[in-house]
Amino acid sequence: MQRRNFIVAAGAAFLAGCNKISDSKWFEKLVDGAESWHRGLHRGLGMGRITMAPEFERADISPFFRGNGNQDIETDEYRAAQADGFANWRLEVTGLVDNPLSLSIDDIRALPQRTQITRHDCVEGWSAIGEWTGPQLSHLLEAAGVQAEANFVVFHCADFFTRGSGDNRRRVDYYESCDLDDAMHPQTIVAHLLNGEPLPVRNGAPLRMRLERQLGYKHAKYLTGIELVASLDDIEGGKGGYWEDVAGYQWYAGI
């Protein structure tokens, strides 16, 4: 737990203070090297076993689980889906799989469920404990049949940001990704319940990812698609996630 606190605090301080040097080539190489070292160390600490993020008791649940980043989607499509109780929301599993899937919310609920009480650590320095319920991502991937060429899992989302100004304004959809090791981890779930209730809109209704061994920005909200790919190079900015592309966040954010 002390290790998690240190990494979260150090990461927040580091990102807050690196704006002026983040454009330099030597800084980019330094960050890339540190990320590889961090990932190797984090995996090495498991010493060949599955390492689990700490889980808590119901008495530890935070009285309010705040939202962060996008906390709503102001489009007609999302408003209609919300009004319909997300009954027609679909989660597509595509890419390098043998059997592409298109799952409804009822399909997600019908799968074997995992419930876990974990702490969400944000790169901004705040944390909250919540109880999450949903199927393990590994169950979906096993049903889809992951092909040998697949190395990464990309999470596509309904929320987006608008970048640029004037004639250069454009929509950039939020996305995230992880490797197959984190994708198959038992605590990586597609959550549809928070504290026993359907996800609030501010927390990513109707579906969001929980990658409990990584910082909060990796937990993609408003989930619409899961894509298996061999490489991240040709997806959006090529860094593996929205904040990685636009703000230089590390792709591997293990805690």
Protein backbone atom coordinates (compact mmCIF):
# COMPACT_ATOMS: atom_id res chain seq x y z
CA MET A 1 0.00 0.00 0.00
CA GLN A 2 2.84 2.40 0.81
CA ARG A 3 4.38 1.60 -2.58
CA ARG A 4 1.08 2.48 -4.33
CA ASN A 5 0.85 5.78 -2.41
CA PHE A 6 4.40 6.71 -3.32
CA ILE A 7 3.99 5.96 -7.02
CA VAL A 8 0.70 7.89 -7.26
CA ALA A 9 2.11 10.94 -5.45
CA ALA A 10 5.38 10.88 -7.38
CA GLY A 11 3.56 10.49 -10.69
CA ALA A 12 1.25 13.42 -10.01
CA ALA A 13 4.14 15.66 -8.98
CA PHE A 14 6.22 14.59 -11.97
CA LEU A 15 3.48 15.20 -14.54
CA ALA A 16 2.60 18.55 -12.96
CA GLY A 17 6.16 19.81 -13.29
CA CYS A 18 7.27 18.54 -16.68
CA ASN A 19 5.40 20.84 -19.09
CA LYS A 20 8.43 22.89 -20.18
CA ILE A 21 10.72 19.96 -20.94
CA SER A 22 8.24 17.44 -22.30
CA ASP A 23 8.75 18.51 -25.92
CA SER A 24 12.46 17.67 -25.98
CA LYS A 25 13.73 14.50 -27.69
CA TRP A 26 15.96 13.52 -24.79
CA PHE A 27 13.02 13.83 -22.41
CA GLU A 28 10.89 11.59 -24.64
CA LYS A 29 13.62 8.93 -24.61
CA LEU A 30 13.98 9.25 -20.86
CA VAL A 31 10.25 8.76 -20.30
CA ASP A 32 10.12 5.79 -22.69
CA GLY A 33 13.05 4.17 -20.92
CA ALA A 34 11.55 4.78 -17.50
CA GLU A 35 8.25 3.29 -18.61
CA SER A 36 9.93 0.09 -19.82
CA TRP A 37 11.88 -0.14 -16.55
CA HIS A 38 8.71 0.49 -14.53
CA ARG A 39 6.77 -2.17 -16.41
CA GLY A 40 9.55 -4.73 -16.03
CA LEU A 41 9.96 -4.00 -12.33
CA HIS A 42 6.23 -4.17 -11.68
CA ARG A 43 5.93 -7.51 -13.46
CA GLY A 44 9.14 -8.81 -11.90
CA LEU A 45 7.85 -8.19 -8.38
CA GLY A 46 5.32 -10.96 -9.01
CA MET A 47 8.19 -13.45 -9.38
CA GLY A 48 6.14 -15.68 -11.67
CA ARG A 49 2.87 -15.48 -9.73
CA ILE A 50 -0.28 -13.42 -10.31
CA THR A 51 -0.01 -10.24 -8.26
CA MET A 52 -3.32 -8.82 -7.06
CA ALA A 53 -4.26 -5.25 -6.27
CA PRO A 54 -5.38 -4.84 -2.62
CA GLU A 55 -9.06 -5.51 -1.97
CA PHE A 56 -11.05 -3.98 0.87
CA GLU A 57 -14.14 -4.51 3.03
CA ARG A 58 -17.54 -2.94 2.46
CA ALA A 59 -16.95 -0.73 5.49
CA ASP A 60 -14.04 0.87 3.60
CA ILE A 61 -16.14 2.04 0.63
CA SER A 62 -15.93 5.80 0.07
CA PRO A 63 -19.18 7.70 0.76
CA PHE A 64 -18.92 9.33 -2.67
CA PHE A 65 -17.05 8.07 -5.71
CA ARG A 66 -16.25 11.16 -7.73
CA GLY A 67 -16.13 11.32 -11.50
CA ASN A 68 -13.13 12.54 -13.43
CA GLY A 69 -12.31 13.47 -17.02
CA ASN A 70 -15.49 13.33 -19.10
CA GLN A 71 -18.49 12.94 -16.79
CA ASP A 72 -21.22 13.00 -19.43
CA ILE A 73 -21.69 12.67 -23.18
CA GLU A 74 -23.77 15.47 -24.63
CA THR A 75 -24.93 13.80 -27.83
CA ASP A 76 -28.42 12.83 -28.99
CA GLU A 77 -27.31 9.20 -29.31
CA TYR A 78 -26.13 8.97 -25.72
CA ARG A 79 -29.18 10.80 -24.37
CA ALA A 80 -31.43 8.34 -26.22
CA ALA A 81 -29.45 5.37 -24.91
CA GLN A 82 -29.65 6.72 -21.36
CA ALA A 83 -33.42 7.28 -21.64
CA ASP A 84 -33.80 3.67 -22.78
CA GLY A 85 -31.84 2.33 -19.82
CA PHE A 86 -29.02 1.41 -22.21
CA ALA A 87 -31.09 -1.58 -23.34
CA ASN A 88 -29.70 -1.32 -26.89
CA TRP A 89 -26.09 -0.54 -25.93
CA ARG A 90 -23.68 -2.94 -27.62
CA LEU A 91 -20.15 -3.95 -26.74
CA GLU A 92 -18.25 -5.16 -29.79
CA VAL A 93 -15.24 -7.50 -29.49
CA THR A 94 -13.33 -7.33 -32.77
CA GLY A 95 -9.88 -7.39 -34.36
CA LEU A 96 -7.59 -10.40 -34.13
CA VAL A 97 -10.20 -12.83 -32.84
CA ASP A 98 -11.73 -15.98 -34.27
CA ASN A 99 -15.30 -15.18 -33.23
CA PRO A 100 -16.21 -11.46 -33.12
CA LEU A 101 -18.79 -10.70 -30.44
CA SER A 102 -21.60 -8.16 -30.16
CA LEU A 103 -22.89 -8.15 -26.58
CA SER A 104 -25.88 -6.38 -25.09
CA ILE A 105 -26.05 -5.20 -21.48
CA ASP A 106 -28.20 -8.27 -20.73
CA ASP A 107 -25.48 -10.46 -22.27
CA ILE A 108 -22.89 -8.81 -20.02
CA ARG A 109 -25.08 -9.39 -16.95
CA ALA A 110 -25.63 -13.05 -17.89
CA LEU A 111 -21.91 -13.86 -17.85
CA PRO A 112 -20.18 -15.10 -14.67
CA GLN A 113 -19.63 -12.03 -12.50
CA ARG A 114 -16.75 -10.90 -10.31
CA THR A 115 -17.24 -8.38 -7.49
CA GLN A 116 -14.21 -6.61 -6.03
CA ILE A 117 -13.73 -3.69 -3.64
CA THR A 118 -10.66 -1.78 -4.75
CA ARG A 119 -9.07 1.64 -4.57
CA HIS A 120 -9.05 3.91 -7.59
CA ASP A 121 -5.85 5.98 -7.68
CA CYS A 122 -5.88 9.06 -9.90
CA VAL A 123 -2.76 10.64 -11.38
CA GLU A 124 -4.06 13.95 -9.97
CA GLY A 125 -3.49 12.60 -6.45
CA TRP A 126 -6.99 11.67 -5.23
CA SER A 127 -8.27 8.18 -4.52
CA ALA A 128 -11.59 6.48 -3.70
CA ILE A 129 -12.65 2.97 -2.77
CA GLY A 130 -15.59 1.36 -4.57
CA GLU A 131 -17.20 -2.01 -5.15
CA TRP A 132 -17.21 -3.00 -8.82
CA THR A 133 -19.11 -5.86 -10.46
CA GLY A 134 -18.83 -7.29 -13.96
CA PRO A 135 -17.46 -10.17 -15.99
CA GLN A 136 -13.72 -10.72 -16.21
CA LEU A 137 -12.34 -9.48 -19.51
CA SER A 138 -10.57 -12.82 -19.87
CA HIS A 139 -13.95 -14.57 -20.21
CA LEU A 140 -14.89 -12.34 -23.15
CA LEU A 141 -11.53 -12.84 -24.82
CA GLU A 142 -11.67 -16.61 -24.38
CA ALA A 143 -15.15 -16.65 -25.95
CA ALA A 144 -13.90 -14.53 -28.87
CA GLY A 145 -10.78 -16.66 -29.40
CA VAL A 146 -7.66 -14.49 -29.34
CA GLN A 147 -5.43 -15.06 -32.36
CA ALA A 148 -1.70 -15.66 -31.96
CA GLU A 149 -0.78 -12.36 -33.63
CA ALA A 150 -2.61 -10.28 -30.98
CA ASN A 151 -0.40 -8.41 -28.51
CA PHE A 152 -2.63 -5.62 -27.20
CA VAL A 153 -6.25 -4.93 -26.27
CA VAL A 154 -7.67 -1.53 -27.27
CA PHE A 155 -10.70 -0.10 -25.45
CA HIS A 156 -12.92 2.13 -27.59
CA CYS A 157 -15.27 4.60 -25.89
CA ALA A 158 -18.31 6.74 -26.67
CA ASP A 159 -16.89 9.85 -25.00
CA PHE A 160 -14.63 12.27 -26.82
CA PHE A 161 -12.73 15.54 -26.66
CA THR A 162 -12.69 18.40 -29.17
CA ARG A 163 -9.18 19.42 -30.18
CA GLY A 164 -8.01 22.49 -32.07
CA SER A 165 -9.93 25.64 -32.93
CA GLY A 166 -11.79 27.23 -35.81
CA ASP A 167 -11.57 25.23 -39.03
CA ASN A 168 -9.11 22.88 -37.33
CA ARG A 169 -11.51 21.73 -34.64
CA ARG A 170 -11.95 17.97 -34.66
CA ARG A 171 -13.43 15.25 -32.51
CA VAL A 172 -10.97 12.85 -30.88
CA ASP A 173 -12.56 9.75 -29.39
CA TYR A 174 -11.28 8.56 -26.04
CA TYR A 175 -9.50 5.23 -26.05
CA GLU A 176 -7.09 3.21 -23.94
CA SER A 177 -5.21 -0.06 -24.16
CA CYS A 178 -3.29 -2.69 -22.26
CA ASP A 179 -1.23 -5.76 -23.01
CA LEU A 180 -2.57 -9.31 -22.82
CA ASP A 181 -1.04 -9.86 -19.39
CA ASP A 182 -3.22 -7.16 -17.84
CA ALA A 183 -6.18 -8.09 -20.05
CA MET A 184 -6.21 -11.66 -18.74
CA HIS A 185 -5.67 -10.67 -15.10
CA PRO A 186 -8.55 -11.83 -12.85
CA GLN A 187 -9.15 -8.30 -11.52
CA THR A 188 -9.54 -6.81 -15.01
CA ILE A 189 -13.30 -6.63 -15.44
CA VAL A 190 -15.94 -4.94 -17.60
CA ALA A 191 -17.85 -3.22 -14.81
CA HIS A 192 -21.56 -2.40 -15.02
CA LEU A 193 -22.25 -1.97 -11.28
CA LEU A 194 -20.72 0.41 -8.74
CA ASN A 195 -21.54 -0.32 -5.11
CA GLY A 196 -24.30 -2.69 -6.21
CA GLU A 197 -26.08 -0.17 -8.45
CA PRO A 198 -25.89 0.48 -12.22
CA LEU A 199 -22.96 2.75 -13.04
CA PRO A 200 -23.80 6.45 -12.72
CA VAL A 201 -23.24 8.50 -15.85
CA ARG A 202 -20.37 10.41 -14.21
CA ASN A 203 -18.57 7.08 -13.67
CA GLY A 204 -18.97 5.81 -17.23
CA ALA A 205 -22.44 4.29 -17.66
CA PRO A 206 -23.25 1.75 -18.81
CA LEU A 207 -19.86 -0.01 -19.04
CA ARG A 208 -16.32 0.82 -18.02
CA MET A 209 -13.05 -1.02 -17.66
CA ARG A 210 -11.39 -1.74 -14.33
CA LEU A 211 -7.65 -2.43 -14.60
CA GLU A 212 -6.98 -2.53 -10.90
CA ARG A 213 -3.19 -2.64 -11.15
CA GLN A 214 -3.02 0.63 -13.08
CA LEU A 215 -3.78 4.32 -12.51
CA GLY A 216 -7.25 5.70 -13.09
CA TYR A 217 -6.82 7.10 -16.61
CA LYS A 218 -6.36 3.51 -17.86
CA HIS A 219 -9.91 2.59 -16.70
CA ALA A 220 -11.78 3.54 -19.87
CA LYS A 221 -15.41 4.68 -19.42
CA TYR A 222 -18.48 4.60 -21.70
CA LEU A 223 -17.09 1.42 -23.26
CA THR A 224 -18.31 0.48 -26.74
CA GLY A 225 -15.57 -1.72 -28.19
CA ILE A 226 -12.72 -4.07 -27.37
CA GLU A 227 -10.28 -4.60 -30.22
CA LEU A 228 -7.40 -7.08 -30.35
CA VAL A 229 -4.41 -5.74 -32.29
CA ALA A 230 -0.81 -6.67 -33.03
CA SER A 231 0.49 -3.10 -32.69
CA LEU A 232 -0.64 0.25 -31.31
CA ASP A 233 1.35 2.28 -33.85
CA ASP A 234 -1.50 3.05 -36.25
CA ILE A 235 -4.22 3.76 -33.68
CA GLU A 236 -4.88 7.49 -33.15
CA GLY A 237 -1.55 9.04 -32.03
CA GLY A 238 0.17 5.68 -31.70
CA LYS A 239 0.98 5.94 -27.98
CA GLY A 240 -1.77 3.60 -26.78
CA GLY A 241 -4.27 6.01 -25.20
CA TYR A 242 -5.81 9.47 -25.39
CA TRP A 243 -3.77 11.02 -22.58
CA GLU A 244 -0.65 9.24 -23.74
CA ASP A 245 -1.11 10.80 -27.19
CA VAL A 246 -1.96 14.37 -26.15
CA ALA A 247 -0.23 14.85 -22.80
CA GLY A 248 2.66 12.39 -22.70
CA TYR A 249 1.26 10.17 -19.96
CA GLN A 250 2.99 6.82 -19.62
CA TRP A 251 1.27 3.97 -21.41
CA TYR A 252 2.09 1.54 -18.62
CA ALA A 253 0.74 3.07 -15.41
CA GLY A 254 1.18 0.18 -12.99
CA ILE A 255 0.79 0.77 -9.24
